[in-house]
Protein backbone atom coordinates (compact mmCIF):
# COMPACT_ATOMS: atom_id res chain seq x y z
CA MET A 1 -70.35 16.42 42.07
CA ASP A 2 -70.11 19.77 43.64
CA THR A 3 -67.86 18.60 46.58
CA ALA A 4 -65.66 16.65 44.23
CA LEU A 5 -65.18 19.80 42.09
CA SER A 6 -64.30 21.87 45.12
CA TYR A 7 -61.81 19.22 46.24
CA ALA A 8 -60.20 19.29 42.89
CA GLU A 9 -59.90 23.10 43.02
CA ALA A 10 -58.50 23.09 46.59
CA ASN A 11 -55.79 20.48 45.72
CA ALA A 12 -54.88 21.93 42.31
CA ASP A 13 -51.32 22.83 43.31
CA ARG A 14 -50.66 19.25 44.83
CA PHE A 15 -51.99 17.61 41.65
CA VAL A 16 -49.34 19.58 39.56
CA GLY A 17 -46.71 18.44 42.04
CA GLU A 18 -47.53 14.84 41.55
CA LEU A 19 -47.71 15.22 37.86
CA LYS A 20 -44.22 16.54 38.00
CA GLU A 21 -43.14 13.42 39.79
CA LEU A 22 -44.47 11.28 37.06
CA LEU A 23 -42.94 13.34 34.39
CA ARG A 24 -39.56 12.99 35.88
CA ILE A 25 -39.58 9.24 35.04
CA PRO A 26 -38.15 8.91 31.40
CA SER A 27 -40.52 6.12 30.28
CA VAL A 28 -39.40 6.05 26.69
CA SER A 29 -41.02 2.85 25.21
CA THR A 30 -39.27 2.51 22.02
CA ASP A 31 -35.67 2.39 23.43
CA SER A 32 -34.62 -0.64 25.40
CA ALA A 33 -32.18 1.47 27.45
CA TYR A 34 -35.22 2.91 29.13
CA ALA A 35 -36.94 -0.35 29.95
CA ALA A 36 -36.41 0.00 33.76
CA GLU A 37 -37.73 3.52 33.66
CA VAL A 38 -40.91 2.35 31.88
CA GLN A 39 -41.28 -0.34 34.63
CA ARG A 40 -40.64 2.34 37.29
CA ALA A 41 -43.48 4.45 35.83
CA ALA A 42 -45.93 1.61 35.83
CA THR A 43 -45.00 0.91 39.50
CA TRP A 44 -45.51 4.61 40.23
CA LEU A 45 -48.97 4.54 38.86
CA THR A 46 -49.96 1.35 40.52
CA ASP A 47 -48.91 2.77 43.95
CA HIS A 48 -50.71 5.94 43.30
CA PHE A 49 -53.99 4.16 42.43
CA ASP A 50 -53.56 2.47 45.83
CA ALA A 51 -53.11 5.91 47.64
CA ILE A 52 -56.13 7.39 46.24
CA GLY A 53 -58.28 4.57 47.35
CA MET A 54 -59.19 2.48 44.29
CA ALA A 55 -60.70 -0.75 45.42
CA HIS A 56 -58.42 -2.92 43.22
CA THR A 57 -55.06 -2.15 41.52
CA GLU A 58 -52.73 -4.52 39.62
CA LEU A 59 -49.52 -4.28 37.66
CA ILE A 60 -49.87 -6.73 34.71
CA GLU A 61 -46.79 -8.09 33.34
CA THR A 62 -46.59 -8.70 29.59
CA ASP A 63 -44.05 -9.84 26.97
CA GLY A 64 -43.31 -6.16 26.49
CA HIS A 65 -43.93 -3.26 29.01
CA PRO A 66 -46.50 -3.72 31.76
CA LEU A 67 -50.25 -2.53 31.88
CA VAL A 68 -51.44 -0.82 34.87
CA TYR A 69 -54.98 -1.87 35.86
CA ALA A 70 -57.35 -0.27 38.51
CA GLU A 71 -61.03 -0.56 39.21
CA HIS A 72 -63.67 0.62 41.54
CA ILE A 73 -67.00 -1.08 41.18
CA THR A 74 -69.67 0.06 43.67
CA ASP A 75 -72.92 -0.87 42.03
CA PRO A 76 -73.60 -3.10 39.06
CA ALA A 77 -76.58 -1.03 38.26
CA LYS A 78 -74.44 1.98 37.55
CA PRO A 79 -72.77 2.38 34.08
CA THR A 80 -69.15 1.35 33.74
CA VAL A 81 -66.80 3.76 32.29
CA VAL A 82 -63.33 2.06 31.07
CA VAL A 83 -60.63 4.76 31.12
CA TYR A 84 -57.74 4.31 28.73
CA GLY A 85 -54.47 6.13 28.62
CA HIS A 86 -50.63 5.67 28.30
CA TYR A 87 -47.72 6.34 30.45
CA ASP A 88 -45.03 5.87 27.82
CA VAL A 89 -43.39 8.75 26.07
CA GLN A 90 -41.65 9.49 22.84
CA PRO A 91 -37.96 9.83 22.80
CA PRO A 92 -36.82 13.43 23.71
CA ASP A 93 -34.40 13.69 20.71
CA PRO A 94 -32.98 16.07 19.44
CA LEU A 95 -31.96 17.11 22.90
CA ASP A 96 -30.12 20.24 21.73
CA GLU A 97 -33.37 21.75 20.67
CA TRP A 98 -34.95 21.71 24.10
CA ASP A 99 -34.70 24.81 26.21
CA THR A 100 -34.81 22.84 29.38
CA ASP A 101 -34.21 19.23 30.37
CA PRO A 102 -37.13 17.17 28.85
CA PHE A 103 -37.36 15.11 32.06
CA GLU A 104 -37.15 17.93 34.66
CA PRO A 105 -40.59 19.57 34.42
CA THR A 106 -40.20 23.27 34.07
CA GLN A 107 -43.13 25.67 34.63
CA ARG A 108 -43.01 28.95 32.66
CA GLY A 109 -46.01 30.99 33.03
CA ASP A 110 -49.22 28.67 32.76
CA ARG A 111 -47.24 26.10 30.85
CA LEU A 112 -45.50 22.93 32.11
CA TYR A 113 -42.65 21.93 29.82
CA ALA A 114 -41.58 18.26 29.79
CA ARG A 115 -41.66 15.08 27.59
CA GLY A 116 -45.05 13.52 28.14
CA ALA A 117 -46.60 16.78 29.62
CA CYS A 118 -49.50 16.53 27.20
CA ASP A 119 -48.98 13.27 25.56
CA ASP A 120 -50.07 11.46 27.43
CA LYS A 121 -48.98 11.78 31.10
CA GLY A 122 -50.68 15.14 31.70
CA GLN A 123 -54.00 14.16 30.08
CA MET A 124 -54.03 10.69 31.48
CA PHE A 125 -53.33 11.99 34.99
CA MET A 126 -56.42 14.25 34.73
CA GLN A 127 -58.41 11.06 34.63
CA VAL A 128 -56.76 9.70 37.78
CA LYS A 129 -57.23 12.98 39.63
CA ALA A 130 -60.98 13.13 38.87
CA ALA A 131 -61.48 9.75 40.40
CA GLU A 132 -59.48 10.80 43.58
CA ALA A 133 -61.72 14.00 43.82
CA TYR A 134 -64.79 11.77 44.02
CA LEU A 135 -63.48 9.27 46.32
CA SER A 136 -61.87 11.68 48.75
CA ALA A 137 -64.60 14.31 48.75
CA GLU A 138 -67.80 12.15 48.23
CA GLY A 139 -66.58 8.72 49.34
CA GLU A 140 -68.29 7.07 46.18
CA LEU A 141 -68.29 7.50 42.39
CA PRO A 142 -71.51 8.05 40.25
CA VAL A 143 -70.07 5.43 37.72
CA ASN A 144 -68.10 2.28 38.11
CA LEU A 145 -64.55 2.84 36.88
CA LYS A 146 -62.04 0.60 35.19
CA TYR A 147 -58.56 2.05 34.15
CA VAL A 148 -56.12 0.35 31.81
CA LEU A 149 -52.97 2.31 31.23
CA GLU A 150 -50.32 0.90 28.75
CA GLY A 151 -46.60 1.52 28.27
CA GLU A 152 -46.44 0.89 24.48
CA GLU A 153 -48.82 3.27 22.84
CA GLU A 154 -45.90 5.15 21.18
CA THR A 155 -44.59 1.81 19.67
CA GLY A 156 -47.83 0.38 18.28
CA SER A 157 -49.75 -0.96 21.42
CA VAL A 158 -48.91 -4.59 20.52
CA GLU A 159 -49.44 -5.88 24.11
CA MET A 160 -52.38 -3.82 24.72
CA GLU A 161 -54.00 -5.28 21.50
CA LYS A 162 -53.23 -8.76 22.70
CA TYR A 163 -54.77 -8.10 26.11
CA VAL A 164 -57.96 -6.79 24.78
CA GLN A 165 -58.32 -9.82 22.45
CA GLN A 166 -57.31 -12.37 25.04
CA ASP A 167 -58.55 -10.86 28.35
CA GLY A 168 -61.00 -8.25 27.08
CA ASP A 169 -63.87 -9.64 29.24
CA ARG A 170 -62.14 -7.97 32.12
CA LEU A 171 -62.61 -4.61 30.50
CA GLU A 172 -66.21 -4.97 29.55
CA GLY A 173 -68.12 -1.73 30.23
CA ASP A 174 -70.51 0.76 28.65
CA VAL A 175 -68.02 3.26 27.18
CA VAL A 176 -64.45 4.05 27.04
CA LEU A 177 -63.16 7.50 28.02
CA ILE A 178 -59.79 8.75 26.63
CA SER A 179 -57.90 12.01 26.99
CA ASP A 180 -55.07 11.78 24.46
CA THR A 181 -56.31 14.21 21.74
CA ALA A 182 -56.27 17.86 21.00
CA MET A 183 -59.11 20.48 20.93
CA PHE A 184 -59.77 22.32 17.59
CA SER A 185 -58.34 25.42 19.17
CA GLU A 186 -58.10 27.54 22.38
CA ASP A 187 -61.29 29.35 21.58
CA THR A 188 -63.17 26.26 20.01
CA PRO A 189 -63.20 23.27 22.19
CA SER A 190 -63.99 19.90 20.50
CA ILE A 191 -64.48 16.27 21.02
CA THR A 192 -63.05 13.78 18.61
CA TYR A 193 -65.62 11.42 16.85
CA GLY A 194 -63.17 10.01 14.28
CA LEU A 195 -59.56 8.79 14.18
CA ARG A 196 -57.43 7.83 11.04
CA GLY A 197 -55.89 4.45 11.03
CA LEU A 198 -52.11 3.72 10.32
CA ALA A 199 -50.16 1.34 8.30
CA TYR A 200 -46.29 1.72 8.84
CA ALA A 201 -43.71 0.05 6.53
CA GLU A 202 -40.01 -0.05 6.07
CA ILE A 203 -38.66 -0.72 2.55
CA THR A 204 -35.35 -1.79 1.37
CA LEU A 205 -33.94 -1.90 -2.06
CA ARG A 206 -30.77 -4.14 -2.54
CA GLY A 207 -28.50 -3.86 -5.53
CA PRO A 208 -24.80 -5.03 -5.69
CA ASN A 209 -23.51 -7.08 -2.86
CA ARG A 210 -21.52 -4.44 -1.36
CA ASP A 211 -20.85 -0.63 -1.59
CA LEU A 212 -18.90 0.25 -4.75
CA HIS A 213 -16.45 2.87 -6.03
CA SER A 214 -18.65 5.25 -7.99
CA GLY A 215 -15.94 6.00 -10.59
CA ASN A 216 -15.17 2.39 -11.27
CA TYR A 217 -18.87 1.26 -11.28
CA GLY A 218 -21.01 4.08 -11.82
CA GLY A 219 -22.82 4.24 -15.10
CA ALA A 220 -23.11 0.35 -15.23
CA VAL A 221 -24.40 -0.72 -11.95
CA ASP A 222 -27.94 0.43 -11.03
CA ASN A 223 -27.89 2.59 -7.91
CA PRO A 224 -30.53 1.63 -5.20
CA CYS A 225 -30.69 5.23 -3.89
CA ASN A 226 -31.49 6.45 -7.50
CA ALA A 227 -34.00 3.81 -7.97
CA LEU A 228 -35.72 4.33 -4.45
CA SER A 229 -35.97 8.10 -5.23
CA ARG A 230 -37.77 7.40 -8.52
CA VAL A 231 -40.12 4.98 -6.75
CA ILE A 232 -40.96 7.35 -4.12
CA ALA A 233 -41.40 10.27 -6.42
CA GLY A 234 -44.11 8.29 -8.07
CA LEU A 235 -46.18 7.62 -5.03
CA HIS A 236 -48.24 10.73 -5.55
CA ASP A 237 -49.78 12.24 -8.67
CA ALA A 238 -50.07 15.90 -9.78
CA ASP A 239 -53.12 16.36 -7.59
CA HIS A 240 -51.29 14.94 -4.61
CA ARG A 241 -53.36 11.93 -4.62
CA ILE A 242 -51.77 8.63 -3.72
CA ALA A 243 -50.87 6.66 -6.91
CA ILE A 244 -51.10 3.19 -5.55
CA PRO A 245 -53.64 1.33 -7.68
CA GLY A 246 -56.88 0.75 -5.61
CA PHE A 247 -55.75 2.74 -2.67
CA TYR A 248 -59.01 4.68 -2.62
CA ASP A 249 -61.43 1.83 -3.40
CA ASP A 250 -62.70 1.58 0.21
CA VAL A 251 -62.30 5.22 1.36
CA ARG A 252 -65.56 6.54 2.78
CA ASP A 253 -65.83 10.04 1.80
CA LEU A 254 -67.06 12.81 4.00
CA THR A 255 -70.83 13.44 3.98
CA ASP A 256 -72.31 16.72 2.86
CA GLU A 257 -73.24 17.41 6.44
CA GLU A 258 -69.56 16.70 7.59
CA ARG A 259 -68.19 19.01 4.80
CA ASP A 260 -70.61 21.78 5.92
CA THR A 261 -69.41 21.39 9.56
CA TYR A 262 -65.84 21.64 8.41
CA ALA A 263 -66.50 24.74 6.42
CA ALA A 264 -68.06 26.39 9.35
CA LEU A 265 -65.09 25.77 11.61
CA PRO A 266 -62.77 28.95 12.22
CA PHE A 267 -59.79 27.35 10.73
CA ASP A 268 -57.20 30.07 9.84
CA GLU A 269 -54.78 28.55 7.39
CA ASN A 270 -52.30 31.54 7.51
CA ALA A 271 -52.28 31.31 11.24
CA TRP A 272 -51.82 27.38 11.23
CA MET A 273 -48.84 27.75 8.85
CA ALA A 274 -47.16 30.64 10.79
CA PRO A 275 -45.58 28.78 13.64
CA LEU A 276 -44.26 26.20 11.05
CA ASP A 277 -42.44 28.62 8.97
CA ILE A 278 -44.13 27.60 5.73
CA ASP A 279 -45.90 29.82 3.39
CA ASP A 280 -48.17 27.29 1.42
CA VAL A 281 -49.86 24.00 1.85
CA ARG A 282 -49.80 20.78 -0.35
CA THR A 283 -53.16 19.17 -0.21
CA GLU A 284 -55.11 16.68 -2.09
CA SER A 285 -57.03 18.45 -4.85
CA GLY A 286 -60.69 19.07 -4.03
CA TYR A 287 -60.39 19.15 -0.24
CA SER A 288 -59.71 21.85 2.29
CA THR A 289 -56.58 21.89 4.51
CA PHE A 290 -58.45 20.89 7.69
CA GLU A 291 -60.23 18.00 5.70
CA CYS A 292 -56.91 16.85 4.46
CA LEU A 293 -55.41 16.92 7.91
CA THR A 294 -58.11 14.93 9.63
CA ALA A 295 -60.38 13.04 7.31
CA ARG A 296 -58.36 12.10 4.13
CA PRO A 297 -55.80 9.28 3.85
CA THR A 298 -52.15 10.14 3.33
CA LEU A 299 -48.88 8.55 2.52
CA ASP A 300 -45.67 10.13 3.81
CA VAL A 301 -41.90 9.21 3.84
CA ASN A 302 -40.82 9.35 7.51
CA GLY A 303 -37.14 8.41 6.92
CA LEU A 304 -34.94 8.07 3.82
CA TRP A 305 -31.42 6.85 3.88
CA GLY A 306 -28.58 4.98 2.04
CA GLY A 307 -24.99 5.25 1.08
CA TYR A 308 -22.60 7.59 2.88
CA THR A 309 -24.20 10.32 5.01
CA GLY A 310 -21.13 11.49 7.22
CA GLU A 311 -19.22 14.52 6.93
CA GLY A 312 -17.32 15.33 3.66
CA ALA A 313 -17.35 13.30 0.54
CA LYS A 314 -17.20 9.63 -0.12
CA THR A 315 -17.50 8.58 -3.75
CA VAL A 316 -19.68 5.42 -3.06
CA LEU A 317 -22.37 3.67 -4.95
CA PRO A 318 -24.49 2.19 -2.22
CA SER A 319 -25.50 -1.37 -2.10
CA THR A 320 -28.72 -0.64 -0.34
CA ALA A 321 -31.26 2.12 0.08
CA HIS A 322 -34.08 2.31 2.73
CA ALA A 323 -37.22 4.40 3.49
CA LYS A 324 -39.90 4.29 6.19
CA LEU A 325 -43.49 5.09 5.08
CA SER A 326 -46.44 5.81 7.02
CA MET A 327 -50.08 5.71 5.64
CA ARG A 328 -52.81 7.33 7.47
CA LEU A 329 -56.13 5.59 6.67
CA VAL A 330 -59.79 6.54 6.92
CA PRO A 331 -63.08 4.45 7.21
CA GLU A 332 -63.43 1.94 5.51
CA GLN A 333 -59.88 1.24 4.69
CA ASP A 334 -58.28 -2.08 6.05
CA VAL A 335 -54.83 -2.07 7.17
CA ASP A 336 -53.82 -5.57 5.64
CA ASP A 337 -55.51 -4.51 2.31
CA VAL A 338 -53.42 -1.34 2.19
CA TYR A 339 -50.21 -3.12 2.97
CA ASN A 340 -50.97 -5.64 0.15
CA LYS A 341 -51.58 -2.88 -2.37
CA LEU A 342 -48.58 -1.03 -1.24
CA GLU A 343 -46.25 -4.03 -1.72
CA ALA A 344 -47.80 -4.96 -5.02
CA HIS A 345 -47.30 -1.47 -6.46
CA LEU A 346 -43.62 -1.26 -5.04
CA LYS A 347 -42.86 -4.59 -6.67
CA SER A 348 -44.23 -3.36 -10.04
CA GLU A 349 -41.91 -0.22 -10.00
CA VAL A 350 -38.70 -1.72 -8.69
CA PRO A 351 -36.17 -2.51 -11.40
CA ASP A 352 -35.08 -6.05 -12.14
CA THR A 353 -31.58 -4.99 -11.20
CA MET A 354 -32.41 -5.09 -7.46
CA THR A 355 -34.58 -6.85 -4.84
CA LEU A 356 -37.22 -5.43 -2.54
CA THR A 357 -37.94 -6.12 0.99
CA VAL A 358 -41.00 -4.69 2.71
CA ARG A 359 -41.36 -5.03 6.55
CA ARG A 360 -44.88 -4.25 8.06
CA LEU A 361 -44.04 -2.51 11.27
CA HIS A 362 -47.22 -1.65 12.99
CA GLY A 363 -50.69 -0.27 12.22
CA GLY A 364 -54.17 0.38 13.49
CA ASP A 365 -57.67 0.70 11.98
CA PRO A 366 -59.54 3.95 11.53
CA VAL A 367 -62.53 4.69 13.81
CA LEU A 368 -65.76 6.53 13.76
CA VAL A 369 -68.17 7.10 16.65
CA ASP A 370 -71.66 8.35 16.42
CA PRO A 371 -71.75 11.72 18.09
CA SER A 372 -75.43 11.36 19.22
CA ILE A 373 -74.81 8.57 21.62
CA PRO A 374 -75.38 9.40 25.46
CA ALA A 375 -71.71 9.30 26.33
CA MET A 376 -70.69 11.74 23.54
CA GLN A 377 -73.48 14.10 24.43
CA SER A 378 -72.55 13.85 28.15
CA ALA A 379 -68.92 14.75 27.14
CA ARG A 380 -70.24 17.74 25.17
CA HIS A 381 -72.26 18.97 27.97
CA ALA A 382 -69.40 18.55 30.57
CA MET A 383 -66.77 20.19 28.34
CA GLY A 384 -69.13 23.06 27.43
CA GLU A 385 -69.80 23.83 31.13
CA VAL A 386 -66.10 24.10 31.89
CA ARG A 387 -64.88 25.83 28.78
CA GLY A 388 -67.87 28.18 28.51
CA THR A 389 -68.42 27.33 24.94
CA GLU A 390 -70.23 24.40 23.46
CA PRO A 391 -67.64 22.04 21.76
CA VAL A 392 -67.89 20.90 18.29
CA PHE A 393 -67.41 17.34 16.95
CA VAL A 394 -64.42 16.88 14.73
CA ARG A 395 -62.27 14.14 13.38
CA ASN A 396 -58.50 13.74 14.42
CA GLY A 397 -55.70 13.00 12.03
CA GLY A 398 -53.91 10.79 14.40
CA THR A 399 -54.21 7.13 15.37
CA ILE A 400 -54.83 5.48 18.71
CA PRO A 401 -54.73 1.68 17.74
CA VAL A 402 -56.56 0.49 20.79
CA VAL A 403 -59.64 2.56 20.02
CA ALA A 404 -60.40 0.33 17.11
CA ASP A 405 -59.67 -2.76 19.28
CA PHE A 406 -62.14 -1.63 21.87
CA GLN A 407 -64.87 -1.14 19.18
CA GLN A 408 -64.18 -4.34 17.22
CA HIS A 409 -63.48 -6.84 20.01
CA LEU A 410 -65.48 -5.40 22.97
CA GLY A 411 -68.24 -3.46 21.20
CA MET A 412 -67.40 -0.34 23.08
CA ASP A 413 -67.34 3.17 21.57
CA SER A 414 -64.65 5.63 22.88
CA VAL A 415 -65.26 9.20 23.96
CA LEU A 416 -62.10 11.20 23.00
CA MET A 417 -62.24 14.13 25.35
CA GLY A 418 -58.86 15.71 25.01
CA PHE A 419 -57.47 19.06 26.20
CA GLY A 420 -54.39 19.28 24.18
CA LEU A 421 -53.59 22.02 21.49
CA ASP A 422 -51.24 22.03 18.45
CA ALA A 423 -49.09 24.49 20.36
CA ASP A 424 -48.30 21.82 22.97
CA ALA A 425 -45.67 20.45 20.39
CA ILE A 426 -46.34 16.81 21.25
CA HIS A 427 -43.51 14.48 19.81
CA SER A 428 -41.36 17.55 19.37
CA PRO A 429 -38.72 19.31 21.29
CA ASN A 430 -40.28 21.64 24.26
CA GLU A 431 -43.46 19.73 24.46
CA SER A 432 -45.83 21.38 27.10
CA PHE A 433 -49.19 21.39 28.58
CA GLY A 434 -51.25 24.42 29.74
CA LEU A 435 -51.96 24.00 33.45
CA ASP A 436 -55.14 25.85 32.95
CA ARG A 437 -56.21 22.98 30.62
CA PHE A 438 -54.98 20.35 33.08
CA HIS A 439 -57.30 21.67 35.82
CA GLU A 440 -60.18 22.30 33.38
CA GLY A 441 -59.79 18.72 32.27
CA ILE A 442 -60.12 17.33 35.75
CA GLN A 443 -63.29 19.51 36.26
CA ALA A 444 -64.76 18.22 32.87
CA ILE A 445 -64.19 14.59 33.60
CA ILE A 446 -65.74 15.03 37.07
CA ARG A 447 -68.81 16.44 35.26
CA PHE A 448 -68.71 13.81 32.62
CA HIS A 449 -69.09 11.08 35.16
CA ASP A 450 -72.06 12.80 36.82
CA HIS A 451 -73.87 13.61 33.60
CA TYR A 452 -73.29 10.18 32.05
CA ALA A 453 -74.56 8.50 35.29
CA ALA A 454 -77.72 10.67 35.01
CA ARG A 455 -78.40 9.86 31.31
CA ALA A 456 -77.94 6.20 32.11
CA ALA A 457 -80.34 6.40 35.00
CA SER A 458 -83.08 8.07 32.91
CA SER A 459 -82.82 5.94 29.93
């Protein structure tokens, strides 16, 4: 391990230069105009795995964007770590809010600014460089490694889910290692043991068969925008609980021990609000802000439109109104069950004067991992050595759909050892990643492989 750590330190500048090459590829998965760039990023990674000496690499074509697979199996007696990550990125819009070109990595101080710098190219690349350090400096790895990197995480991981279900035996291993999450704070490193699930839907209300003159028809023809506004306004009650009947039936509440852990975290609500330019929070009654951010279910309107939205005035009574809704789910909620309850509630609230359409776009199940398992403790040890502070175990409010797939279909738990921070502004303009954390991540992953191998050998 020591020579691998020294190798990573000696090659730190080159590692950053290679990351910049990858960040220059605009691999936006949701926009078909970037399809060739997504393919180019996959090819770049496949070639890079070859260059660092992985025993087998492969670009796997799918009905969507390709998967990148690489493995290095040296000894069946060693534990096998499956590394998951994604090379696709969010769209850079709105471009006018970026200080620099989102696809021309720009270093300012210790931060590297670019779309994907943190989510997830920078963090995923730490995993690749840790393997290179072992292979180049020591000639072997303490564990067997399998990498599967996808190009559709930002659009729901449809092809990745199919691959796990249909060809999952190829990914069999002892644990999954993922760097695609954030730490609690700069001073409080953390390892994620729980993720919320996701149910995402688009709803449409249709009234008259065309847009109408609001002077000639207003007051007699029901307005879909008015009706949709009423329906959405009723989705939460006065305590900011979701008002869909049965929504909380299967929610697993936090244990007393978990709530004590949350209470002990140094969460500064005012400091959290400050960069958002807000002066108050809106949380579910009875729960702290951080509990609501990471361990309670949510329902949010992600988009709302209908009628005329251009410059100036147009007196129109619109024929349709639309909204996009996302619901973050917690254990033991089921995605299909929540969809069904949402649709039933909406149908009960929509007036007879119009029709409702609900499109189920994509989702993912919530996940919990036992923090006491050897892999989680190995991660805690490794991160603590690098950060100088023992990390805490926390839940994360986001969703990584494939984590539930690994758990449900392959029986593998995932260690979510991420080095991001809220300040990295993922999915937002001016996304960045601290280069100190990039290098620390490589060092921690090197240590994780060594510690996990040692725990496996002694068990």
